[in-house]
Amino acid sequence: MINKNQKTKGGLFDVYSLWEIEPMKAKGCWVWDADNTKYLDLYGGHAVISIGHTHPHYIAKLKEQIDKIVFYSNSVQNSLQIELSEKLASLSGYPDYSLFLCNSGAEANENALKLASFHTSKKRILAFNDAFHGRTSGAVAVTDNPSIQSPFNTGHEVTFLPINDIASVKEALKTDDVAAIIIEPIQGVAGIFSAEAEFLQQLETLCNNHNVLLIADEVQSGYGRTGKFFAHHYANIRPDIISMAKGMGNGFPIGGILISPKIEAKKGMLGTTFGGNHLACAAAIAVLDVIEGENLLINAFEVGNYLKDKLSDCSGVKEFRGEGLMIGVELESKYADLRKKLLFEEHIFTGGAKNNVMRLLPPLSVSKTEIDIFIDAFKKQTQQ
């Protein structure tokens, strides 16, 4: 017998705060909703859309792969994985690193942490204040947000330190029980805060001297987002493990880690059912094709500088931070509702962060003309 107060039909678990907008189609840097209203997308669905919505080369490669094979397990050969690893190695500047494929950024960081512990036979992790690394057990344990950590997640040995404070890192390494240091070269969810180049270089040296692996979380800042393939390239360092995901598949779920040759692979130490499937690899290869063929790293760098130059003339801005097309705009408190106005009055998607920060993470193909549309709308809303 059904309880009268019991739900009798399905529904979604209510964990997301949703805007009253449903995107129905998209192209380039534009999205159309169910009412056919056109929006400029300067957020790319959390920095996921790297080469633009429904890019023709990307769509063609996915359709072509669907007609062949979509999935088989990692118990057989998959030449698409080799093609992806070789193209990624070439474009990223890591020809000697190996690739392990998974499905998301959280999984990438989870596997990076596990691999570091395997390699060093140690288990404590150093992470940084305001870090965000994902929501799986290990990844959320190194995320500095107690509100999303369940009691189950809090058993990991993690020490949070101030970013750009090398003295605290040196002190934490004295006990010789640290497996890895994990860091976002640019903290995204925190509000676009960069690790200083000298600090990253000092971390690299300390890790090499203490049998500790350096993990660069490039899930949001990688794949050309900052105008270089990885944000840590600005510091001229070579982390032991690099995690990737968001821009990797332009919307198709895929993640991965690049792994230093000093780390030995053993059968069974890492594994995944869906990671590196045929369709995911086709999507990721297409993304790299477009990044290379359309010079999107150069575009991200140049248009990002253009955006920052234009922001310098805008009222209402306390500070703007970041590199390339990973920009955080800290707004004056009286403009706390600016993102909402831009969305519903100007039809422009932007992202948010704490402390009244607007995150701008558009497709790497965004044009200066499209940036001008945003700047005009920004000025209109802040000068009223």
Protein backbone atom coordinates (compact mmCIF):
# COMPACT_ATOMS: atom_id res chain seq x y z
CA MET A 1 0.00 0.00 0.00
CA ILE A 2 1.39 3.42 -1.00
CA ASN A 3 1.70 6.07 1.68
CA LYS A 4 -0.33 9.13 0.60
CA ASN A 5 2.59 11.38 1.56
CA GLN A 6 5.06 9.39 -0.48
CA LYS A 7 6.14 10.63 -3.89
CA THR A 8 4.59 8.48 -6.60
CA LYS A 9 6.72 9.64 -9.52
CA GLY A 10 10.40 10.28 -10.03
CA GLY A 11 12.28 13.52 -9.71
CA LEU A 12 15.78 14.92 -9.45
CA PHE A 13 17.73 14.98 -6.20
CA ASP A 14 17.58 18.69 -5.37
CA VAL A 15 21.25 19.70 -4.99
CA TYR A 16 21.58 22.38 -7.68
CA SER A 17 20.42 26.00 -7.65
CA LEU A 18 19.12 26.43 -11.18
CA TRP A 19 18.60 29.51 -13.32
CA GLU A 20 15.19 29.54 -15.02
CA ILE A 21 16.79 29.00 -18.44
CA GLU A 22 17.01 25.84 -20.53
CA PRO A 23 19.59 25.91 -23.34
CA MET A 24 18.30 24.06 -26.39
CA LYS A 25 20.97 24.68 -29.01
CA ALA A 26 24.39 26.31 -29.23
CA LYS A 27 27.02 27.35 -31.75
CA GLY A 28 30.42 28.93 -31.21
CA CYS A 29 30.12 31.27 -28.24
CA TRP A 30 26.33 31.48 -28.38
CA VAL A 31 23.47 29.57 -26.76
CA TRP A 32 19.71 29.65 -27.49
CA ASP A 33 17.07 28.79 -24.92
CA ALA A 34 13.66 27.13 -25.28
CA ASP A 35 12.13 30.50 -26.25
CA ASN A 36 14.85 31.00 -28.91
CA THR A 37 16.46 33.81 -26.90
CA LYS A 38 20.13 34.14 -27.82
CA TYR A 39 22.80 34.32 -25.08
CA LEU A 40 26.51 35.11 -25.25
CA ASP A 41 28.33 32.34 -23.39
CA LEU A 42 31.30 33.66 -21.42
CA TYR A 43 31.30 30.76 -18.98
CA GLY A 44 31.38 27.68 -21.20
CA GLY A 45 29.58 25.50 -18.67
CA HIS A 46 32.33 25.73 -16.00
CA ALA A 47 35.20 26.18 -18.53
CA VAL A 48 34.24 22.97 -20.35
CA ILE A 49 33.56 24.39 -23.83
CA SER A 50 37.08 24.90 -25.13
CA ILE A 51 36.73 25.05 -28.92
CA GLY A 52 33.20 26.46 -29.12
CA HIS A 53 29.79 24.82 -29.08
CA THR A 54 29.01 22.32 -31.86
CA HIS A 55 32.26 22.96 -33.74
CA PRO A 56 31.84 21.31 -37.17
CA HIS A 57 35.08 19.30 -37.00
CA TYR A 58 34.21 18.07 -33.52
CA ILE A 59 30.68 17.07 -34.50
CA ALA A 60 31.91 15.31 -37.65
CA LYS A 61 34.47 13.28 -35.71
CA LEU A 62 31.88 12.19 -33.13
CA LYS A 63 29.36 11.19 -35.79
CA GLU A 64 32.05 9.31 -37.71
CA GLN A 65 33.05 7.41 -34.57
CA ILE A 66 29.45 6.58 -33.63
CA ASP A 67 29.10 4.75 -36.95
CA LYS A 68 32.13 2.59 -36.11
CA ILE A 69 32.24 1.68 -32.40
CA VAL A 70 31.29 3.68 -29.31
CA PHE A 71 32.70 1.56 -26.49
CA TYR A 72 34.66 -1.46 -25.53
CA SER A 73 36.56 -2.14 -22.33
CA ASN A 74 40.23 -1.50 -21.57
CA SER A 75 40.93 -5.22 -21.85
CA VAL A 76 41.52 -4.79 -25.60
CA GLN A 77 43.61 -2.59 -27.88
CA ASN A 78 42.33 0.92 -28.66
CA SER A 79 44.48 2.80 -31.15
CA LEU A 80 42.52 6.01 -30.52
CA GLN A 81 44.06 6.13 -27.04
CA ILE A 82 47.53 5.99 -28.58
CA GLU A 83 46.64 8.69 -31.10
CA LEU A 84 45.30 10.91 -28.33
CA SER A 85 48.33 10.37 -26.08
CA GLU A 86 50.77 11.18 -28.89
CA LYS A 87 48.95 14.33 -29.98
CA LEU A 88 48.55 15.51 -26.38
CA ALA A 89 52.22 14.85 -25.63
CA SER A 90 53.24 16.93 -28.64
CA LEU A 91 50.97 19.93 -28.03
CA SER A 92 51.43 20.04 -24.26
CA GLY A 93 55.23 19.77 -24.29
CA TYR A 94 55.39 16.44 -22.43
CA PRO A 95 56.61 13.91 -25.01
CA ASP A 96 58.11 11.64 -22.34
CA TYR A 97 55.05 11.52 -20.05
CA SER A 98 52.48 8.70 -20.07
CA LEU A 99 48.71 9.17 -20.17
CA PHE A 100 46.05 7.51 -18.02
CA LEU A 101 42.47 8.23 -19.09
CA CYS A 102 39.37 8.47 -16.92
CA ASN A 103 36.06 10.33 -16.99
CA SER A 104 36.26 13.55 -14.96
CA GLY A 105 38.47 15.99 -13.12
CA ALA A 106 37.65 14.49 -9.74
CA GLU A 107 38.64 11.05 -11.02
CA ALA A 108 41.83 12.48 -12.49
CA ASN A 109 42.81 13.96 -9.12
CA GLU A 110 41.73 10.80 -7.29
CA ASN A 111 44.04 8.72 -9.46
CA ALA A 112 46.85 11.27 -9.16
CA LEU A 113 46.70 11.10 -5.36
CA LYS A 114 46.55 7.31 -5.37
CA LEU A 115 49.48 7.08 -7.76
CA ALA A 116 51.57 9.42 -5.61
CA SER A 117 50.89 7.25 -2.57
CA PHE A 118 51.79 4.10 -4.48
CA HIS A 119 55.05 5.67 -5.68
CA THR A 120 56.22 7.12 -2.36
CA SER A 121 54.65 4.58 0.04
CA LYS A 122 53.42 7.57 2.06
CA LYS A 123 49.90 8.91 2.55
CA ARG A 124 49.73 12.49 3.86
CA ILE A 125 48.88 15.15 1.28
CA LEU A 126 49.64 18.86 1.36
CA ALA A 127 46.96 21.04 -0.21
CA PHE A 128 46.21 24.75 -0.07
CA ASN A 129 43.63 27.02 1.49
CA ASP A 130 40.58 27.62 -0.73
CA ALA A 131 41.55 24.73 -3.03
CA PHE A 132 38.95 22.86 -5.05
CA HIS A 133 39.90 19.47 -6.51
CA GLY A 134 36.60 17.59 -6.90
CA ARG A 135 33.97 15.64 -5.00
CA THR A 136 35.15 12.03 -4.93
CA SER A 137 36.55 10.79 -1.62
CA GLY A 138 40.21 11.75 -1.95
CA ALA A 139 39.58 14.77 -4.16
CA VAL A 140 37.05 16.29 -1.77
CA ALA A 141 39.37 15.58 1.17
CA VAL A 142 41.97 17.90 -0.43
CA THR A 143 39.27 20.48 -1.19
CA ASP A 144 39.14 23.27 1.38
CA ASN A 145 35.37 23.31 1.89
CA PRO A 146 34.09 21.43 4.95
CA SER A 147 30.47 21.91 3.84
CA ILE A 148 30.91 19.36 1.03
CA GLN A 149 32.96 16.86 3.04
CA SER A 150 31.01 14.05 4.68
CA PRO A 151 32.40 12.25 7.76
CA PHE A 152 33.39 9.44 5.38
CA ASN A 153 35.76 11.79 3.52
CA THR A 154 37.52 13.25 6.53
CA GLY A 155 39.67 10.22 7.34
CA HIS A 156 42.33 11.13 4.79
CA GLU A 157 45.53 12.70 6.10
CA VAL A 158 45.53 16.17 4.57
CA THR A 159 47.21 19.38 5.70
CA PHE A 160 46.00 22.70 4.28
CA LEU A 161 48.53 25.51 3.97
CA PRO A 162 48.45 29.14 2.82
CA ILE A 163 49.20 29.47 -0.88
CA ASN A 164 52.44 31.30 -1.78
CA ASP A 165 53.86 30.68 1.72
CA ILE A 166 56.91 28.49 1.18
CA ALA A 167 57.92 28.56 4.86
CA SER A 168 54.76 26.68 5.86
CA VAL A 169 55.48 24.05 3.21
CA LYS A 170 59.03 23.54 4.48
CA GLU A 171 57.70 23.11 8.02
CA ALA A 172 55.08 20.57 6.89
CA LEU A 173 57.69 18.48 5.09
CA LYS A 174 59.86 17.99 8.17
CA THR A 175 58.01 14.82 9.26
CA ASP A 176 58.82 12.95 6.02
CA ASP A 177 55.35 11.42 5.69
CA VAL A 178 54.07 13.46 2.74
CA ALA A 179 53.24 11.62 -0.48
CA ALA A 180 52.29 14.61 -2.62
CA ILE A 181 51.64 18.30 -2.83
CA ILE A 182 48.59 19.11 -4.95
CA ILE A 183 48.03 22.63 -6.26
CA GLU A 184 45.97 24.50 -8.81
CA PRO A 185 48.39 26.83 -10.61
CA ILE A 186 45.40 29.17 -10.79
CA GLN A 187 42.66 28.52 -8.23
CA GLY A 188 39.39 28.64 -10.15
CA VAL A 189 36.50 28.09 -7.73
CA ALA A 190 38.29 30.24 -5.12
CA GLY A 191 37.98 33.26 -7.41
CA ILE A 192 40.94 33.09 -9.85
CA PHE A 193 43.97 33.36 -7.58
CA SER A 194 47.37 32.46 -9.05
CA ALA A 195 50.22 30.65 -7.40
CA GLU A 196 53.30 32.80 -7.82
CA ALA A 197 55.87 31.49 -10.29
CA GLU A 198 58.64 31.54 -7.68
CA PHE A 199 56.42 29.62 -5.24
CA LEU A 200 55.73 26.89 -7.82
CA GLN A 201 59.44 26.66 -8.60
CA GLN A 202 60.25 26.30 -4.91
CA LEU A 203 57.59 23.60 -4.56
CA GLU A 204 59.19 21.68 -7.40
CA THR A 205 62.60 21.84 -5.71
CA LEU A 206 61.23 20.80 -2.32
CA CYS A 207 59.36 17.86 -3.82
CA ASN A 208 62.47 16.64 -5.61
CA ASN A 209 64.47 16.87 -2.38
CA HIS A 210 61.91 15.11 -0.14
CA ASN A 211 60.64 12.20 -2.26
CA VAL A 212 57.31 13.97 -2.68
CA LEU A 213 55.34 14.15 -5.93
CA LEU A 214 54.10 17.49 -7.22
CA ILE A 215 50.58 17.28 -8.68
CA ALA A 216 49.41 20.20 -10.82
CA ASP A 217 45.62 20.30 -10.98
CA GLU A 218 45.03 21.76 -14.45
CA VAL A 219 41.41 20.59 -14.65
CA GLN A 220 40.13 24.14 -15.09
CA SER A 221 43.31 26.01 -16.04
CA GLY A 222 44.61 23.56 -18.65
CA TYR A 223 44.03 22.91 -22.33
CA GLY A 224 44.91 26.44 -23.45
CA ARG A 225 42.61 28.23 -21.02
CA THR A 226 45.36 30.65 -19.92
CA GLY A 227 47.00 31.20 -23.30
CA LYS A 228 49.54 28.45 -22.65
CA PHE A 229 48.65 24.79 -22.86
CA PHE A 230 49.01 24.47 -19.07
CA ALA A 231 49.01 27.33 -16.57
CA HIS A 232 52.13 25.95 -14.84
CA HIS A 233 54.07 26.69 -18.04
CA TYR A 234 54.14 30.32 -16.89
CA ALA A 235 56.39 29.16 -14.02
CA ASN A 236 58.54 26.91 -16.24
CA ILE A 237 58.14 23.85 -14.00
CA ARG A 238 57.51 20.16 -14.73
CA PRO A 239 55.12 18.60 -12.21
CA ASP A 240 55.27 14.85 -11.65
CA ILE A 241 51.56 14.42 -12.41
CA ILE A 242 49.21 16.76 -14.28
CA SER A 243 45.45 16.32 -14.01
CA MET A 244 43.12 17.39 -16.83
CA ALA A 245 39.44 17.26 -17.69
CA LYS A 246 37.12 20.20 -18.34
CA GLY A 247 38.28 21.51 -21.72
CA MET A 248 39.57 18.12 -22.80
CA GLY A 249 36.40 16.89 -24.50
CA ASN A 250 34.50 20.12 -25.22
CA GLY A 251 31.53 18.74 -23.32
CA PHE A 252 32.07 15.01 -23.74
CA PRO A 253 33.03 13.48 -20.36
CA ILE A 254 36.74 12.69 -20.30
CA GLY A 255 39.62 13.26 -17.89
CA GLY A 256 43.17 12.13 -17.53
CA ILE A 257 46.55 12.46 -15.90
CA LEU A 258 49.95 12.94 -17.51
CA ILE A 259 52.53 10.94 -15.56
CA SER A 260 56.29 11.47 -15.24
CA PRO A 261 58.54 8.69 -16.57
CA LYS A 262 60.05 8.33 -13.10
CA ILE A 263 56.77 6.75 -11.91
CA GLU A 264 56.62 3.02 -12.66
CA ALA A 265 53.40 1.49 -13.97
CA LYS A 266 52.23 -1.85 -12.57
CA LYS A 267 49.38 -3.94 -13.89
CA GLY A 268 46.15 -3.21 -12.05
CA MET A 269 47.35 -0.26 -9.96
CA LEU A 270 44.86 2.05 -11.73
CA GLY A 271 41.74 1.14 -13.64
CA THR A 272 38.49 2.38 -15.14
CA THR A 273 35.55 0.96 -17.06
CA PHE A 274 34.54 3.92 -19.21
CA GLY A 275 37.78 5.93 -19.22
CA GLY A 276 39.38 6.29 -22.64
CA ASN A 277 36.44 4.80 -24.53
CA HIS A 278 36.32 5.18 -28.30
CA LEU A 279 33.84 8.06 -28.37
CA ALA A 280 35.63 10.00 -25.62
CA CYS A 281 38.94 9.66 -27.44
CA ALA A 282 37.38 10.81 -30.72
CA ALA A 283 36.07 13.91 -28.95
CA ALA A 284 39.41 14.64 -27.28
CA ILE A 285 41.39 14.18 -30.52
CA ALA A 286 39.01 16.56 -32.30
CA VAL A 287 39.57 19.17 -29.57
CA LEU A 288 43.34 18.99 -30.02
CA ASP A 289 42.94 19.18 -33.81
CA VAL A 290 41.02 22.44 -33.47
CA ILE A 291 43.25 23.93 -30.77
CA GLU A 292 46.24 23.37 -33.04
CA GLY A 293 44.62 24.13 -36.40
CA GLU A 294 42.90 27.34 -35.32
CA ASN A 295 45.74 28.65 -33.10
CA LEU A 296 43.46 28.85 -30.09
CA LEU A 297 46.32 29.24 -27.61
CA ILE A 298 47.31 32.46 -29.35
CA ASN A 299 43.69 33.59 -29.50
CA ALA A 300 43.19 32.90 -25.77
CA PHE A 301 46.29 34.91 -24.92
CA GLU A 302 45.51 37.87 -27.20
CA VAL A 303 41.77 38.09 -26.52
CA GLY A 304 42.42 37.60 -22.81
CA ASN A 305 44.76 40.58 -22.78
CA TYR A 306 42.19 42.56 -24.77
CA LEU A 307 39.53 41.67 -22.17
CA LYS A 308 41.74 42.76 -19.27
CA ASP A 309 42.54 46.03 -21.05
CA LYS A 310 38.84 46.73 -21.53
CA LEU A 311 38.03 45.84 -17.92
CA SER A 312 40.54 48.43 -16.73
CA ASP A 313 38.19 51.13 -18.05
CA CYS A 314 35.09 49.74 -16.31
CA SER A 315 33.59 51.16 -13.14
CA GLY A 316 32.47 48.78 -10.43
CA VAL A 317 35.65 46.66 -10.66
CA LYS A 318 37.75 46.36 -7.50
CA GLU A 319 40.28 44.02 -9.10
CA PHE A 320 40.64 41.57 -11.98
CA ARG A 321 42.93 38.55 -11.97
CA GLY A 322 44.05 35.65 -14.13
CA GLU A 323 45.67 34.80 -17.42
CA GLY A 324 44.33 34.34 -20.93
CA LEU A 325 40.64 33.46 -20.85
CA MET A 326 40.60 32.52 -17.17
CA ILE A 327 39.64 35.84 -15.63
CA GLY A 328 38.19 36.70 -12.24
CA VAL A 329 36.54 40.10 -11.78
CA GLU A 330 36.10 41.16 -8.17
CA LEU A 331 33.17 43.56 -8.06
CA GLU A 332 32.31 46.35 -5.68
CA SER A 333 29.71 45.18 -3.16
CA LYS A 334 26.90 47.30 -4.61
CA TYR A 335 27.09 45.23 -7.80
CA ALA A 336 26.37 41.90 -6.11
CA ASP A 337 23.46 41.28 -8.51
CA LEU A 338 25.41 42.16 -11.67
CA ARG A 339 25.68 38.56 -12.91
CA LYS A 340 21.92 38.15 -12.65
CA LYS A 341 21.34 41.40 -14.56
CA LEU A 342 23.79 40.39 -17.25
CA LEU A 343 22.02 37.06 -17.64
CA PHE A 344 18.39 38.18 -17.66
CA GLU A 345 18.66 41.71 -19.05
CA GLU A 346 21.69 41.45 -21.35
CA HIS A 347 21.54 37.69 -22.08
CA ILE A 348 25.17 36.97 -21.17
CA PHE A 349 26.30 33.92 -19.20
CA THR A 350 29.10 34.44 -16.66
CA GLY A 351 30.28 32.41 -13.68
CA GLY A 352 30.44 33.21 -10.01
CA ALA A 353 32.70 32.68 -7.03
CA LYS A 354 32.71 33.81 -3.42
CA ASN A 355 33.44 37.39 -2.35
CA ASN A 356 31.46 38.86 -5.26
CA VAL A 357 33.79 37.55 -7.95
CA MET A 358 32.62 37.06 -11.53
CA ARG A 359 34.45 34.32 -13.42
CA LEU A 360 34.91 34.69 -17.18
CA LEU A 361 35.74 31.35 -18.86
CA PRO A 362 34.54 31.61 -22.47
CA PRO A 363 35.39 29.25 -25.31
CA LEU A 364 38.97 29.75 -26.46
CA SER A 365 37.57 30.82 -29.84
CA VAL A 366 35.81 33.92 -28.45
CA SER A 367 36.41 37.04 -30.53
CA LYS A 368 37.22 40.62 -29.60
CA THR A 369 33.86 41.62 -31.08
CA GLU A 370 32.11 39.29 -28.64
CA ILE A 371 34.18 40.70 -25.77
CA ASP A 372 33.03 44.18 -26.82
CA ILE A 373 29.41 43.06 -26.48
CA PHE A 374 30.13 42.00 -22.92
CA ILE A 375 32.04 45.18 -22.05
CA ASP A 376 29.22 47.39 -23.41
CA ALA A 377 26.67 45.44 -21.33
CA PHE A 378 28.94 45.58 -18.26
CA LYS A 379 29.30 49.36 -18.53
CA LYS A 380 25.57 49.81 -19.14
CA GLN A 381 24.70 47.87 -15.97
CA THR A 382 27.34 49.49 -13.74
CA GLN A 383 26.65 53.06 -14.86
CA GLN A 384 22.90 53.03 -14.28
